[in-house]
Amino acid sequence: MLDLLISTVGQGLQWSVLALGVFLTFRILDIADLSVEGSFPLGAAAAATAITSGLGLPAAFVLALIAGALAGAVTGILTTKLRIPALLAGILTMIGLYSVNLHVMGKSNIGLLQDETVFTILENSLGLSVAVSGLAVGLIFAALIAVILYWFFGTELGTAIRATGFNPQMARAQGINTNTMVVLGLVISNALVALSGATVAQANGFADVGMGVGTIVIGLASVIIGEVLFSPKSFKTSLIAVILGSIVYRLVIAFVLEMGMPPNDLKLFTAVLVAFALALPLIKEKCAGLRAHG
């Protein structure tokens, strides 16, 4: 039971990097970016190909970051330069990345069980169990990314991105190039999503062209659950809430699976969970109104 708990928390931390990427577009830029469903497997494909080709782990992570950033740039350019609505631009990028991912891997699936990954290094060098190595890697990545994001969005450039998402008209009045900020925000978001894909692929022992299906819902679930449960009041607490939301989401999934839910129903359960979490503020307001009238 303890191993399952440690493993589940580790998975939540590994997926929290994706959730942070979704948080940047969904909350900071106020954009529903569906291209993450393509950039997640793109990061996995780039990392897996680099590892199996003998390029090493540093190259695998760097290539995943670059590939995700390029995918975000494509969505940003489609949105800002070609005036395609952000939602549609993300869908177009996601569809195009399916073919790109197949070209990157050369096939639909790459196995990593026989190759050295960041997890096997910890297991072999420090003698850690699979569950503990997953927790350690997830904790390192989540903490590092959160600290970097907190620092970056406190800089002038980061503040400009936040201003663009909060009030584009006011940002333009202050001399901010909002188009550039949107592209930059999408680049950072998709780079983080691809990094999460590279990590999850190594944890799972394979990269698959279809592993991005439903990732946007997982990311949104983490963001919404974190906000509902922890009510963050600042940017720092928002980042922490997203990470904790990802862990809670994974714990909920593990619990319902333990209770006997068929794995085929997980996507449906996640969709219902996100819908409920999104509607929770309205439900609370209705209940408060009923109590007031009662």
Protein backbone atom coordinates (compact mmCIF):
# COMPACT_ATOMS: atom_id res chain seq x y z
CA MET A 1 0.00 0.00 0.00
CA LEU A 2 2.85 2.37 0.85
CA ASP A 3 4.55 1.64 -2.47
CA LEU A 4 1.30 2.43 -4.30
CA LEU A 5 0.96 5.74 -2.42
CA ILE A 6 4.59 6.73 -3.14
CA SER A 7 4.26 5.71 -6.79
CA THR A 8 0.99 7.66 -7.17
CA VAL A 9 2.44 10.83 -5.62
CA GLY A 10 5.48 10.44 -7.90
CA GLN A 11 3.21 10.22 -10.94
CA GLY A 12 1.34 13.31 -9.78
CA LEU A 13 4.62 15.24 -9.52
CA GLN A 14 5.78 14.07 -12.95
CA TRP A 15 2.47 15.12 -14.53
CA SER A 16 2.44 18.39 -12.59
CA VAL A 17 4.94 19.84 -15.09
CA LEU A 18 2.28 19.36 -17.78
CA ALA A 19 -0.30 20.91 -15.44
CA LEU A 20 1.95 23.96 -14.96
CA GLY A 21 2.17 24.32 -18.74
CA VAL A 22 -1.61 24.15 -19.06
CA PHE A 23 -1.94 26.65 -16.18
CA LEU A 24 0.17 29.19 -18.09
CA THR A 25 -2.12 29.20 -21.11
CA PHE A 26 -5.44 28.59 -19.35
CA ARG A 27 -5.03 31.03 -16.47
CA ILE A 28 -2.18 33.41 -17.36
CA LEU A 29 -2.86 33.92 -21.09
CA ASP A 30 -6.58 33.05 -20.91
CA ILE A 31 -6.20 30.72 -23.91
CA ALA A 32 -7.56 27.19 -24.33
CA ASP A 33 -4.54 25.59 -25.99
CA LEU A 34 -5.27 22.12 -27.38
CA SER A 35 -1.84 21.79 -29.00
CA VAL A 36 -0.62 20.24 -25.72
CA GLU A 37 -2.18 16.96 -26.87
CA GLY A 38 0.39 16.96 -29.65
CA SER A 39 3.36 18.50 -27.84
CA PHE A 40 3.15 15.98 -24.97
CA PRO A 41 3.82 12.93 -27.20
CA LEU A 42 6.25 15.10 -29.22
CA GLY A 43 8.41 15.52 -26.12
CA ALA A 44 8.15 11.80 -25.44
CA ALA A 45 9.06 10.97 -29.05
CA ALA A 46 12.04 13.34 -29.10
CA ALA A 47 13.40 12.03 -25.80
CA ALA A 48 12.85 8.35 -26.66
CA THR A 49 14.50 8.73 -30.06
CA ALA A 50 17.47 10.53 -28.52
CA ILE A 51 17.89 7.88 -25.81
CA THR A 52 17.65 4.91 -28.19
CA SER A 53 20.04 6.64 -30.60
CA GLY A 54 22.66 6.94 -27.85
CA LEU A 55 22.63 10.74 -27.57
CA GLY A 56 22.28 10.61 -23.77
CA LEU A 57 19.78 11.93 -21.25
CA PRO A 58 20.79 15.64 -21.28
CA ALA A 59 20.30 15.73 -25.05
CA ALA A 60 16.97 13.91 -24.68
CA PHE A 61 15.55 16.53 -22.31
CA VAL A 62 16.96 19.47 -24.27
CA LEU A 63 15.55 18.15 -27.57
CA ALA A 64 12.16 17.59 -25.91
CA LEU A 65 12.15 21.20 -24.64
CA ILE A 66 13.12 22.58 -28.05
CA ALA A 67 10.54 20.45 -29.87
CA GLY A 68 7.77 21.55 -27.50
CA ALA A 69 8.82 25.18 -27.79
CA LEU A 70 8.66 24.99 -31.59
CA ALA A 71 5.19 23.45 -31.41
CA GLY A 72 4.06 26.30 -29.16
CA ALA A 73 5.60 28.83 -31.55
CA VAL A 74 3.57 27.35 -34.44
CA THR A 75 0.33 27.74 -32.47
CA GLY A 76 1.33 31.26 -31.47
CA ILE A 77 2.10 32.32 -35.04
CA LEU A 78 -1.15 30.83 -36.33
CA THR A 79 -3.01 32.80 -33.66
CA THR A 80 -1.21 36.15 -33.83
CA LYS A 81 -0.03 36.44 -37.42
CA LEU A 82 -2.75 34.57 -39.32
CA ARG A 83 -5.55 35.63 -36.94
CA ILE A 84 -6.78 32.06 -36.50
CA PRO A 85 -8.72 31.68 -33.21
CA ALA A 86 -6.48 30.22 -30.50
CA LEU A 87 -8.69 27.16 -29.98
CA LEU A 88 -8.64 26.29 -33.69
CA ALA A 89 -4.92 27.06 -33.98
CA GLY A 90 -4.23 24.59 -31.17
CA ILE A 91 -6.34 21.93 -32.88
CA LEU A 92 -4.49 22.44 -36.18
CA THR A 93 -1.12 22.14 -34.45
CA MET A 94 -2.26 19.05 -32.56
CA ILE A 95 -3.39 17.34 -35.77
CA GLY A 96 -0.18 18.24 -37.60
CA LEU A 97 1.99 16.99 -34.73
CA TYR A 98 0.55 13.49 -35.05
CA SER A 99 2.39 13.05 -38.35
CA VAL A 100 5.46 14.86 -36.99
CA ASN A 101 5.61 12.47 -34.04
CA LEU A 102 5.47 9.47 -36.37
CA HIS A 103 8.35 10.93 -38.39
CA VAL A 104 10.39 11.63 -35.24
CA MET A 105 10.04 8.06 -33.96
CA GLY A 106 9.96 6.35 -37.34
CA LYS A 107 7.14 4.15 -36.01
CA SER A 108 4.19 4.41 -33.66
CA ASN A 109 5.94 3.13 -30.53
CA ILE A 110 9.46 3.10 -29.05
CA GLY A 111 10.34 0.92 -26.05
CA LEU A 112 12.80 2.17 -23.43
CA LEU A 113 12.93 -0.83 -21.09
CA GLN A 114 16.39 -1.84 -22.31
CA ASP A 115 17.80 1.71 -22.24
CA GLU A 116 19.19 3.89 -19.48
CA THR A 117 16.73 6.50 -18.26
CA VAL A 118 16.81 9.09 -15.48
CA PHE A 119 14.88 6.60 -13.32
CA THR A 120 17.18 3.61 -13.88
CA ILE A 121 20.20 5.78 -13.08
CA LEU A 122 18.75 6.56 -9.64
CA GLU A 123 17.72 2.96 -9.11
CA ASN A 124 21.14 1.57 -10.03
CA SER A 125 23.40 4.22 -8.52
CA LEU A 126 21.50 4.88 -5.26
CA GLY A 127 19.71 1.56 -4.93
CA LEU A 128 16.27 3.20 -4.85
CA SER A 129 13.08 1.30 -5.55
CA VAL A 130 11.05 2.05 -8.67
CA ALA A 131 8.44 3.95 -6.63
CA VAL A 132 10.98 6.05 -4.71
CA SER A 133 12.98 6.90 -7.85
CA GLY A 134 9.75 8.09 -9.51
CA LEU A 135 8.96 10.23 -6.49
CA ALA A 136 12.48 11.70 -6.41
CA VAL A 137 12.52 12.57 -10.11
CA GLY A 138 9.02 14.06 -9.97
CA LEU A 139 9.85 16.14 -6.89
CA ILE A 140 13.07 17.50 -8.42
CA PHE A 141 11.41 18.44 -11.71
CA ALA A 142 8.26 19.95 -10.15
CA ALA A 143 10.21 22.01 -7.60
CA LEU A 144 12.78 23.19 -10.15
CA ILE A 145 10.18 24.21 -12.75
CA ALA A 146 8.01 25.97 -10.13
CA VAL A 147 10.99 27.99 -8.82
CA ILE A 148 12.05 28.98 -12.35
CA LEU A 149 8.51 30.01 -13.28
CA TYR A 150 8.12 32.04 -10.08
CA TRP A 151 11.37 33.85 -10.82
CA PHE A 152 10.64 34.39 -14.52
CA PHE A 153 7.12 35.74 -14.06
CA GLY A 154 8.49 38.21 -11.54
CA THR A 155 10.76 39.73 -14.20
CA GLU A 156 9.72 42.54 -16.53
CA LEU A 157 9.20 40.10 -19.42
CA GLY A 158 7.17 37.69 -17.29
CA THR A 159 5.05 40.53 -15.94
CA ALA A 160 4.37 41.64 -19.53
CA ILE A 161 3.06 38.14 -20.36
CA ARG A 162 0.80 38.21 -17.31
CA ALA A 163 -0.45 41.70 -18.22
CA THR A 164 -1.21 40.52 -21.76
CA GLY A 165 -3.41 37.72 -20.47
CA PHE A 166 -5.10 39.88 -17.82
CA ASN A 167 -5.90 42.92 -19.97
CA PRO A 168 -4.56 42.99 -23.57
CA GLN A 169 -5.88 46.51 -24.25
CA MET A 170 -4.16 47.97 -21.20
CA ALA A 171 -0.97 46.03 -22.00
CA ARG A 172 -0.89 47.51 -25.52
CA ALA A 173 -1.48 50.98 -24.04
CA GLN A 174 1.64 50.44 -21.92
CA GLY A 175 3.68 49.71 -25.06
CA ILE A 176 3.72 45.91 -24.72
CA ASN A 177 3.75 43.89 -27.94
CA THR A 178 0.92 41.55 -26.98
CA ASN A 179 1.38 39.29 -30.03
CA THR A 180 4.97 38.57 -29.02
CA MET A 181 3.90 37.89 -25.44
CA VAL A 182 1.22 35.41 -26.58
CA VAL A 183 3.73 33.54 -28.73
CA LEU A 184 6.29 33.51 -25.90
CA GLY A 185 3.69 32.24 -23.42
CA LEU A 186 2.69 29.41 -25.76
CA VAL A 187 6.36 28.55 -26.36
CA ILE A 188 7.02 28.23 -22.62
CA SER A 189 3.80 26.30 -21.99
CA ASN A 190 4.37 23.71 -24.71
CA ALA A 191 8.05 23.35 -23.78
CA LEU A 192 6.96 22.38 -20.25
CA VAL A 193 4.33 19.98 -21.62
CA ALA A 194 6.95 18.32 -23.85
CA LEU A 195 9.34 18.07 -20.88
CA SER A 196 6.60 16.29 -18.94
CA GLY A 197 6.10 13.97 -21.91
CA ALA A 198 9.81 13.13 -21.94
CA THR A 199 9.73 12.32 -18.21
CA VAL A 200 6.52 10.27 -18.33
CA ALA A 201 7.79 8.28 -21.33
CA GLN A 202 10.88 7.27 -19.35
CA ALA A 203 8.73 6.41 -16.32
CA ASN A 204 6.41 4.25 -18.45
CA GLY A 205 9.27 2.65 -20.38
CA PHE A 206 7.93 3.62 -23.81
CA ALA A 207 6.87 6.51 -26.04
CA ASP A 208 3.70 6.12 -28.08
CA VAL A 209 2.17 8.34 -30.73
CA GLY A 210 -1.23 8.13 -29.01
CA MET A 211 -0.12 8.93 -25.46
CA GLY A 212 -1.25 12.55 -25.74
CA VAL A 213 -4.96 11.75 -25.94
CA GLY A 214 -6.76 13.38 -23.03
CA THR A 215 -3.72 15.22 -21.66
CA ILE A 216 -5.47 18.59 -21.85
CA VAL A 217 -8.23 17.25 -19.59
CA ILE A 218 -5.63 15.86 -17.14
CA GLY A 219 -3.90 19.25 -17.06
CA LEU A 220 -7.17 21.13 -16.57
CA ALA A 221 -8.24 18.69 -13.86
CA SER A 222 -5.02 19.37 -11.95
CA VAL A 223 -5.40 23.14 -12.30
CA ILE A 224 -9.09 23.23 -11.33
CA ILE A 225 -8.77 20.76 -8.44
CA GLY A 226 -5.81 22.72 -7.07
CA GLU A 227 -7.74 26.00 -7.25
CA VAL A 228 -10.91 24.56 -5.71
CA LEU A 229 -9.17 22.78 -2.84
CA PHE A 230 -6.44 25.28 -1.97
CA SER A 231 -7.87 28.67 -3.06
CA PRO A 232 -4.54 30.28 -4.04
CA LYS A 233 -4.28 34.03 -3.44
CA SER A 234 -1.02 34.79 -5.27
CA PHE A 235 1.04 33.56 -8.22
CA LYS A 236 3.34 31.59 -5.92
CA THR A 237 0.49 29.82 -4.17
CA SER A 238 -1.15 29.20 -7.56
CA LEU A 239 1.93 27.28 -8.74
CA ILE A 240 1.94 25.23 -5.53
CA ALA A 241 -1.81 24.60 -5.85
CA VAL A 242 -1.39 23.28 -9.42
CA ILE A 243 1.30 20.82 -8.28
CA LEU A 244 -0.82 19.69 -5.33
CA GLY A 245 -3.86 19.47 -7.61
CA SER A 246 -1.95 17.11 -9.89
CA ILE A 247 -1.06 14.90 -6.93
CA VAL A 248 -4.66 14.90 -5.64
CA TYR A 249 -5.94 14.02 -9.13
CA ARG A 250 -3.59 11.02 -9.32
CA LEU A 251 -4.60 9.93 -5.81
CA VAL A 252 -8.28 10.11 -6.78
CA ILE A 253 -7.62 8.05 -9.93
CA ALA A 254 -5.65 5.46 -7.93
CA PHE A 255 -8.48 5.30 -5.35
CA VAL A 256 -11.26 4.72 -7.88
CA LEU A 257 -9.17 2.06 -9.65
CA GLU A 258 -8.62 0.35 -6.31
CA MET A 259 -12.38 0.50 -5.73
CA GLY A 260 -12.88 -1.48 -8.93
CA MET A 261 -13.59 1.11 -11.64
CA PRO A 262 -12.78 -0.31 -15.10
CA PRO A 263 -9.73 1.47 -16.63
CA ASN A 264 -11.79 2.09 -19.78
CA ASP A 265 -13.98 4.48 -17.78
CA LEU A 266 -11.11 6.70 -16.58
CA LYS A 267 -11.46 9.32 -19.32
CA LEU A 268 -15.19 9.61 -18.63
CA PHE A 269 -14.56 9.88 -14.90
CA THR A 270 -11.95 12.61 -15.48
CA ALA A 271 -14.34 14.57 -17.70
CA VAL A 272 -17.08 14.39 -15.06
CA LEU A 273 -14.59 15.35 -12.32
CA VAL A 274 -13.40 18.43 -14.25
CA ALA A 275 -16.98 19.47 -15.07
CA PHE A 276 -17.91 19.18 -11.38
CA ALA A 277 -14.81 21.13 -10.28
CA LEU A 278 -15.55 23.90 -12.81
CA ALA A 279 -19.18 24.09 -11.66
CA LEU A 280 -18.29 24.01 -7.94
CA PRO A 281 -18.08 27.83 -7.49
CA LEU A 282 -21.57 28.16 -9.00
CA ILE A 283 -22.87 25.31 -6.81
CA LYS A 284 -21.42 27.02 -3.72
CA GLU A 285 -23.03 30.31 -4.73
CA LYS A 286 -26.43 28.64 -5.23
CA CYS A 287 -26.17 26.88 -1.86
CA ALA A 288 -25.21 30.16 -0.14
CA GLY A 289 -28.19 31.85 -1.79
CA LEU A 290 -30.55 29.12 -0.64
CA ARG A 291 -29.24 29.36 2.92
CA ALA A 292 -29.64 33.14 2.87
CA HIS A 293 -33.25 32.87 1.69
CA GLY A 294 -33.92 30.03 4.12
